[in-house]
Amino acid sequence: MTRDARPRIGALDVIRGLALCGILVANVQPIAHAGDALAVRTGGGDAGDAWLGLLVHQRFFPIFSFLFGVGFSLLLESAGRQVGRPRLLLLRRLLALLALGLAHMFLLWYGDILTVYAVVGLAVLLPSSWLPRRAVAGLSGVVVVAALATGAGTFGLVPGLFLLGSALTRYGVTARIEDSTRVPALLCLAFSAAAAPLAWLQSGTGDSRAMGAAGLLTAGAYVCAVLVLLRTPLGRFLRAVFAPLGRMALTNYLTATVLVLLAARLVGGSPDGWSTATVLSIAGGVLVLQWVWSALWLRWFRQGPLEWSWRWATWARRPPFRRGSRSSAPAAALPPA
């Protein structure tokens, strides 16, 4: 790490790792279809499926989207201290992500989200970097509200959440997220109280607007709850479980597709007919394997293999791979894949 590099914000790795777990649970059946796009779930079926509809589906992708905006602005700040044209660096980063997402989409699964992130990043995040932070914050609110009001769903919320993460980072909120217990605790209660009636409406009617709003508020409650728990004795456990997954989020997101497709062949049958227990077992098995892989890998290497390759494409020079080697490019918080 160079003298001007920003220290890594550990809470972001934990939150990213938690989001990765939730997204995998939601994606197991769509991935197993090997070609179908991500299905929108509103509950129904057995009781377990109904609970997944209320607690998992559409509850974790907002966290990933928000963190992508956070990571974009963190990297822009870091690059601005290192190179004369930081936006060119970010352009390379987004184009590399687009190439990776297209490969994932056409080779493995049409429900890939990396392509969407790259396109929205190019169309929204990169141009917004020239706007004052007040404008970015206001625009994020407008876009999120519009997406919820129109029932635009997952993809409709992505631009607003990108902008929200970027704005909060530019206001310095991200740098202080590990400093308080009271604020995230109060926000967690507020988000939970607001989400409860919307979740009830979602379960009763399947309304897409209620589902989108409930998912967004529940995601906020999850993030705030994690921030509170990280400041308790449970924090050490959460870091041990989720941080390795979060630090290798891109590698784990993509390898999860391969692992789920392999598991689907072993389980057999139509994924639509799988029980909640089957879905959770597949997701749990994949996550345990990825946690072991991530924890062992990070003992020896600075980043996951795909994170390292992405960083190489971003900075246009080969970064160090093994721990203990000197860095020629500054360490920056990794935007989620």
Protein backbone atom coordinates (compact mmCIF):
# COMPACT_ATOMS: atom_id res chain seq x y z
CA MET A 1 0.00 0.00 0.00
CA THR A 2 1.32 3.42 -0.87
CA ARG A 3 1.52 6.33 1.53
CA ASP A 4 -1.62 7.97 0.05
CA ALA A 5 -3.73 4.82 -0.10
CA ARG A 6 -6.93 4.67 1.88
CA PRO A 7 -7.02 1.98 4.58
CA ARG A 8 -9.54 -0.73 3.85
CA ILE A 9 -12.92 -0.32 5.56
CA GLY A 10 -13.50 -3.70 7.16
CA ALA A 11 -17.25 -3.24 7.66
CA LEU A 12 -17.72 -3.01 3.90
CA ASP A 13 -16.17 -6.46 3.44
CA VAL A 14 -18.50 -7.94 6.05
CA ILE A 15 -21.60 -6.32 4.53
CA ARG A 16 -20.53 -7.37 1.05
CA GLY A 17 -20.00 -10.94 2.22
CA LEU A 18 -23.45 -11.03 3.81
CA ALA A 19 -25.00 -9.69 0.62
CA LEU A 20 -23.18 -12.34 -1.40
CA CYS A 21 -24.76 -15.04 0.77
CA GLY A 22 -28.28 -13.67 0.36
CA ILE A 23 -27.93 -13.21 -3.38
CA LEU A 24 -26.73 -16.78 -3.80
CA VAL A 25 -29.76 -18.13 -1.94
CA ALA A 26 -32.03 -16.07 -4.20
CA ASN A 27 -30.18 -17.15 -7.35
CA VAL A 28 -29.85 -20.90 -6.82
CA GLN A 29 -33.01 -21.85 -8.72
CA PRO A 30 -32.63 -19.28 -11.53
CA ILE A 31 -29.00 -20.34 -12.10
CA ALA A 32 -30.02 -24.00 -12.10
CA HIS A 33 -32.30 -23.28 -15.05
CA ALA A 34 -29.05 -22.67 -16.99
CA GLY A 35 -30.26 -19.92 -19.28
CA ASP A 36 -33.28 -18.33 -17.65
CA ALA A 37 -33.03 -14.80 -16.27
CA LEU A 38 -33.46 -14.15 -12.59
CA ALA A 39 -37.02 -14.93 -11.57
CA VAL A 40 -38.90 -12.46 -9.40
CA ARG A 41 -40.21 -14.21 -6.32
CA THR A 42 -43.04 -12.91 -4.20
CA GLY A 43 -43.56 -15.79 -1.86
CA GLY A 44 -46.07 -18.59 -2.14
CA GLY A 45 -45.49 -22.33 -2.21
CA ASP A 46 -44.49 -23.88 1.08
CA ALA A 47 -43.91 -21.90 4.24
CA GLY A 48 -40.16 -21.88 3.71
CA ASP A 49 -40.57 -20.37 0.27
CA ALA A 50 -42.84 -17.68 1.69
CA TRP A 51 -40.22 -16.76 4.27
CA LEU A 52 -37.55 -16.59 1.58
CA GLY A 53 -39.82 -14.21 -0.30
CA LEU A 54 -40.03 -11.95 2.75
CA LEU A 55 -36.45 -12.16 4.02
CA VAL A 56 -34.21 -12.95 1.04
CA HIS A 57 -35.61 -12.26 -2.42
CA GLN A 58 -35.03 -8.66 -3.50
CA ARG A 59 -33.46 -7.94 -0.08
CA PHE A 60 -29.77 -8.29 -0.88
CA PHE A 61 -29.25 -6.96 -4.40
CA PRO A 62 -29.85 -3.37 -3.11
CA ILE A 63 -26.88 -3.83 -0.77
CA PHE A 64 -24.64 -4.93 -3.63
CA SER A 65 -25.80 -2.04 -5.81
CA PHE A 66 -25.29 0.48 -3.03
CA LEU A 67 -21.81 -0.86 -2.33
CA PHE A 68 -20.88 -0.62 -5.99
CA GLY A 69 -21.56 3.11 -5.85
CA VAL A 70 -19.53 3.33 -2.63
CA GLY A 71 -16.59 1.52 -4.19
CA PHE A 72 -16.72 3.68 -7.30
CA SER A 73 -16.33 6.90 -5.34
CA LEU A 74 -13.68 5.44 -3.03
CA LEU A 75 -11.64 4.43 -6.04
CA LEU A 76 -12.16 7.80 -7.71
CA GLU A 77 -10.80 9.53 -4.60
CA SER A 78 -7.81 7.18 -4.44
CA ALA A 79 -7.07 7.43 -8.16
CA GLY A 80 -7.36 11.21 -8.05
CA ARG A 81 -4.37 11.27 -5.68
CA GLN A 82 -2.32 8.95 -7.89
CA VAL A 83 -2.95 9.74 -11.56
CA GLY A 84 -3.74 12.79 -13.61
CA ARG A 85 -6.81 11.32 -15.34
CA PRO A 86 -8.65 9.20 -12.76
CA ARG A 87 -11.83 8.90 -14.83
CA LEU A 88 -9.91 7.17 -17.60
CA LEU A 89 -8.88 4.59 -15.03
CA LEU A 90 -12.51 4.12 -14.00
CA LEU A 91 -13.55 3.84 -17.63
CA ARG A 92 -11.11 0.96 -18.06
CA ARG A 93 -12.48 -0.63 -14.91
CA LEU A 94 -16.06 -0.52 -16.13
CA LEU A 95 -15.16 -1.77 -19.60
CA ALA A 96 -13.26 -4.70 -18.07
CA LEU A 97 -16.30 -5.49 -15.92
CA LEU A 98 -18.52 -5.33 -19.01
CA ALA A 99 -16.32 -7.84 -20.82
CA LEU A 100 -16.37 -10.16 -17.81
CA GLY A 101 -20.13 -9.84 -17.44
CA LEU A 102 -20.79 -10.57 -21.12
CA ALA A 103 -18.63 -13.68 -20.91
CA HIS A 104 -20.52 -14.81 -17.82
CA MET A 105 -23.87 -14.08 -19.48
CA PHE A 106 -23.27 -15.89 -22.75
CA LEU A 107 -21.19 -18.77 -21.44
CA LEU A 108 -22.97 -19.61 -18.19
CA TRP A 109 -26.10 -17.72 -17.14
CA TYR A 110 -28.31 -15.06 -18.74
CA GLY A 111 -29.20 -13.66 -15.33
CA ASP A 112 -25.75 -12.09 -14.94
CA ILE A 113 -25.78 -8.72 -13.11
CA LEU A 114 -22.22 -7.60 -13.91
CA THR A 115 -23.22 -6.47 -17.39
CA VAL A 116 -25.99 -4.31 -15.93
CA TYR A 117 -23.59 -2.84 -13.38
CA ALA A 118 -21.04 -2.00 -16.07
CA VAL A 119 -23.58 -0.39 -18.41
CA VAL A 120 -25.22 1.63 -15.62
CA GLY A 121 -21.79 2.58 -14.35
CA LEU A 122 -20.84 3.91 -17.78
CA ALA A 123 -24.15 5.67 -18.33
CA VAL A 124 -24.81 7.02 -14.82
CA LEU A 125 -21.93 6.74 -12.35
CA LEU A 126 -19.12 7.97 -14.55
CA PRO A 127 -20.97 11.08 -15.78
CA SER A 128 -22.17 11.81 -12.23
CA SER A 129 -18.56 12.12 -11.07
CA TRP A 130 -18.50 15.58 -12.67
CA LEU A 131 -21.58 16.70 -10.71
CA PRO A 132 -21.43 18.26 -7.23
CA ARG A 133 -22.24 15.86 -4.45
CA ARG A 134 -25.46 17.71 -3.62
CA ALA A 135 -26.75 17.09 -7.13
CA VAL A 136 -25.77 13.41 -6.97
CA ALA A 137 -27.59 12.99 -3.64
CA GLY A 138 -30.73 14.68 -4.95
CA LEU A 139 -30.68 12.72 -8.18
CA SER A 140 -30.30 9.44 -6.28
CA GLY A 141 -33.48 10.15 -4.31
CA VAL A 142 -35.44 11.05 -7.43
CA VAL A 143 -34.33 7.92 -9.29
CA VAL A 144 -35.03 5.57 -6.36
CA VAL A 145 -38.49 7.03 -5.70
CA ALA A 146 -39.36 6.91 -9.40
CA ALA A 147 -38.27 3.27 -9.65
CA LEU A 148 -40.36 2.32 -6.60
CA ALA A 149 -43.40 4.29 -7.77
CA THR A 150 -43.38 2.68 -11.21
CA GLY A 151 -42.59 -0.83 -9.98
CA ALA A 152 -39.46 -0.85 -12.14
CA GLY A 153 -38.02 -3.72 -10.10
CA THR A 154 -34.43 -4.81 -9.69
CA PHE A 155 -32.85 -3.11 -12.67
CA GLY A 156 -34.82 0.10 -12.19
CA LEU A 157 -33.38 0.60 -8.71
CA VAL A 158 -29.74 0.02 -9.66
CA PRO A 159 -28.97 3.55 -10.98
CA GLY A 160 -30.44 5.25 -7.91
CA LEU A 161 -28.63 2.95 -5.50
CA PHE A 162 -25.35 3.49 -7.35
CA LEU A 163 -25.81 7.24 -6.98
CA LEU A 164 -26.82 6.92 -3.32
CA GLY A 165 -23.68 4.97 -2.46
CA SER A 166 -21.56 7.44 -4.37
CA ALA A 167 -23.16 10.47 -2.70
CA LEU A 168 -22.81 9.13 0.84
CA THR A 169 -19.16 8.37 0.19
CA ARG A 170 -18.53 11.85 -1.15
CA TYR A 171 -20.16 13.30 1.98
CA GLY A 172 -17.82 11.23 4.15
CA VAL A 173 -20.50 8.96 5.60
CA THR A 174 -18.79 5.77 4.41
CA ALA A 175 -15.55 6.69 6.15
CA ARG A 176 -17.43 6.98 9.46
CA ILE A 177 -19.67 3.91 9.30
CA GLU A 178 -17.59 2.04 11.89
CA ASP A 179 -17.62 4.91 14.39
CA SER A 180 -21.18 4.82 15.74
CA THR A 181 -23.64 2.41 17.31
CA ARG A 182 -26.55 4.69 18.10
CA VAL A 183 -27.19 6.01 14.58
CA PRO A 184 -27.30 2.62 12.80
CA ALA A 185 -29.37 1.18 15.67
CA LEU A 186 -31.99 3.91 15.29
CA LEU A 187 -31.97 3.57 11.52
CA CYS A 188 -32.37 -0.20 11.81
CA LEU A 189 -35.49 0.26 13.94
CA ALA A 190 -36.89 2.86 11.55
CA PHE A 191 -36.23 0.76 8.45
CA SER A 192 -37.73 -2.34 10.09
CA ALA A 193 -40.87 -0.51 11.19
CA ALA A 194 -41.38 0.93 7.71
CA ALA A 195 -40.69 -2.40 5.98
CA ALA A 196 -43.13 -4.48 8.08
CA PRO A 197 -46.44 -3.22 6.61
CA LEU A 198 -45.00 -3.28 3.10
CA ALA A 199 -43.84 -6.87 3.56
CA TRP A 200 -47.33 -7.75 4.80
CA LEU A 201 -48.79 -6.13 1.68
CA GLN A 202 -46.32 -7.98 -0.50
CA SER A 203 -47.21 -11.34 1.03
CA GLY A 204 -50.91 -10.69 0.64
CA THR A 205 -51.03 -9.22 -2.86
CA GLY A 206 -47.68 -9.86 -4.52
CA ASP A 207 -47.61 -6.18 -5.49
CA SER A 208 -44.29 -5.40 -7.20
CA ARG A 209 -44.13 -1.86 -5.81
CA ALA A 210 -44.65 -3.12 -2.26
CA MET A 211 -42.02 -5.77 -2.84
CA GLY A 212 -39.50 -3.26 -4.14
CA ALA A 213 -40.04 -0.85 -1.25
CA ALA A 214 -40.03 -3.63 1.34
CA GLY A 215 -36.87 -5.08 -0.15
CA LEU A 216 -35.08 -1.75 -0.11
CA LEU A 217 -36.05 -0.97 3.49
CA THR A 218 -35.19 -4.48 4.66
CA ALA A 219 -31.80 -4.19 2.98
CA GLY A 220 -31.22 -0.96 4.88
CA ALA A 221 -32.19 -2.67 8.13
CA TYR A 222 -29.77 -5.54 7.44
CA VAL A 223 -26.88 -3.16 6.79
CA CYS A 224 -27.57 -1.15 9.93
CA ALA A 225 -27.97 -4.29 12.04
CA VAL A 226 -24.57 -5.54 10.85
CA LEU A 227 -22.96 -2.19 11.71
CA VAL A 228 -24.39 -2.42 15.23
CA LEU A 229 -23.33 -6.05 15.72
CA LEU A 230 -19.81 -5.30 14.52
CA ARG A 231 -19.38 -3.11 17.60
CA THR A 232 -20.36 -5.95 19.94
CA PRO A 233 -18.46 -9.12 20.95
CA LEU A 234 -20.21 -10.81 18.02
CA GLY A 235 -18.26 -8.57 15.63
CA ARG A 236 -15.19 -10.79 15.63
CA PHE A 237 -17.29 -13.76 14.55
CA LEU A 238 -19.03 -11.78 11.79
CA ARG A 239 -15.68 -10.61 10.43
CA ALA A 240 -14.32 -14.14 10.41
CA VAL A 241 -17.38 -15.52 8.59
CA PHE A 242 -18.26 -12.81 6.09
CA ALA A 243 -15.13 -10.73 5.44
CA PRO A 244 -13.26 -13.43 3.43
CA LEU A 245 -16.32 -13.90 1.22
CA GLY A 246 -16.68 -10.14 0.78
CA ARG A 247 -13.03 -9.54 -0.05
CA MET A 248 -13.33 -12.07 -2.89
CA ALA A 249 -16.86 -11.10 -3.93
CA LEU A 250 -16.19 -11.01 -7.67
CA THR A 251 -14.44 -14.37 -7.71
CA ASN A 252 -17.10 -15.93 -5.49
CA TYR A 253 -20.02 -14.47 -7.45
CA LEU A 254 -18.76 -15.99 -10.70
CA THR A 255 -17.60 -19.33 -9.32
CA ALA A 256 -20.96 -19.73 -7.57
CA THR A 257 -22.60 -20.07 -10.99
CA VAL A 258 -20.35 -22.99 -11.89
CA LEU A 259 -20.85 -24.65 -8.51
CA VAL A 260 -24.64 -24.31 -8.61
CA LEU A 261 -24.78 -25.73 -12.14
CA LEU A 262 -22.74 -28.71 -10.97
CA ALA A 263 -24.97 -29.16 -7.92
CA ALA A 264 -28.06 -29.02 -10.11
CA ARG A 265 -26.78 -31.99 -12.09
CA LEU A 266 -26.24 -33.93 -8.90
CA VAL A 267 -29.62 -33.08 -7.38
CA GLY A 268 -31.59 -33.57 -10.58
CA GLY A 269 -35.21 -32.76 -11.25
CA SER A 270 -36.72 -29.44 -12.17
CA PRO A 271 -35.36 -26.55 -10.08
CA ASP A 272 -38.91 -25.20 -9.83
CA GLY A 273 -39.81 -28.27 -7.82
CA TRP A 274 -36.96 -28.04 -5.34
CA SER A 275 -37.92 -27.58 -1.73
CA THR A 276 -36.65 -24.68 0.35
CA ALA A 277 -34.42 -27.15 2.20
CA THR A 278 -32.82 -28.22 -1.09
CA VAL A 279 -32.19 -24.61 -2.12
CA LEU A 280 -30.66 -23.76 1.25
CA SER A 281 -28.53 -26.91 1.23
CA ILE A 282 -27.08 -26.10 -2.18
CA ALA A 283 -26.42 -22.48 -1.23
CA GLY A 284 -24.94 -23.51 2.11
CA GLY A 285 -22.63 -26.06 0.53
CA VAL A 286 -21.40 -23.56 -2.04
CA LEU A 287 -20.81 -20.89 0.60
CA VAL A 288 -18.92 -23.20 2.94
CA LEU A 289 -16.66 -24.25 0.07
CA GLN A 290 -16.12 -20.62 -0.93
CA TRP A 291 -15.43 -19.53 2.63
CA VAL A 292 -12.72 -22.19 3.02
CA TRP A 293 -11.27 -21.27 -0.36
CA SER A 294 -11.36 -17.53 0.37
CA ALA A 295 -9.89 -17.77 3.87
CA LEU A 296 -7.01 -19.96 2.72
CA TRP A 297 -6.36 -17.93 -0.43
CA LEU A 298 -6.17 -14.63 1.44
CA ARG A 299 -3.50 -16.00 3.76
CA TRP A 300 -1.13 -16.08 0.83
CA PHE A 301 -2.46 -13.56 -1.66
CA ARG A 302 -3.57 -9.93 -1.45
CA GLN A 303 -6.77 -10.40 -3.49
CA GLY A 304 -8.83 -13.07 -5.19
CA PRO A 305 -7.68 -14.08 -8.68
CA LEU A 306 -10.42 -12.19 -10.50
CA GLU A 307 -10.12 -9.17 -8.22
CA TRP A 308 -6.41 -9.09 -9.01
CA SER A 309 -7.05 -9.35 -12.76
CA TRP A 310 -9.67 -6.61 -12.55
CA ARG A 311 -7.25 -4.37 -10.70
CA TRP A 312 -4.61 -5.03 -13.36
CA ALA A 313 -7.05 -3.96 -16.08
CA THR A 314 -8.01 -0.91 -14.04
CA TRP A 315 -4.52 0.43 -13.40
CA ALA A 316 -3.01 -0.88 -16.66
CA ARG A 317 -0.03 -2.29 -14.79
CA ARG A 318 0.52 -5.59 -13.07
CA PRO A 319 -0.23 -5.34 -9.34
CA PRO A 320 1.54 -7.52 -6.75
CA PHE A 321 -0.18 -10.80 -6.11
CA ARG A 322 1.43 -12.43 -3.11
CA ARG A 323 1.38 -10.96 0.35
CA GLY A 324 4.59 -9.20 1.31
CA SER A 325 5.40 -7.98 -2.20
CA ARG A 326 5.58 -4.26 -2.85
CA SER A 327 2.60 -2.57 -4.52
CA SER A 328 2.95 -0.38 -7.60
CA ALA A 329 -0.74 0.56 -7.56
CA PRO A 330 -2.62 1.86 -4.51
CA ALA A 331 -5.00 -0.39 -2.67
CA ALA A 332 -8.60 0.73 -3.01
CA ALA A 333 -11.84 -0.59 -1.65
CA LEU A 334 -13.22 -3.10 -4.13
CA PRO A 335 -16.59 -2.26 -5.65
CA PRO A 336 -18.88 -5.32 -5.42
CA ALA A 337 -19.33 -7.43 -8.46
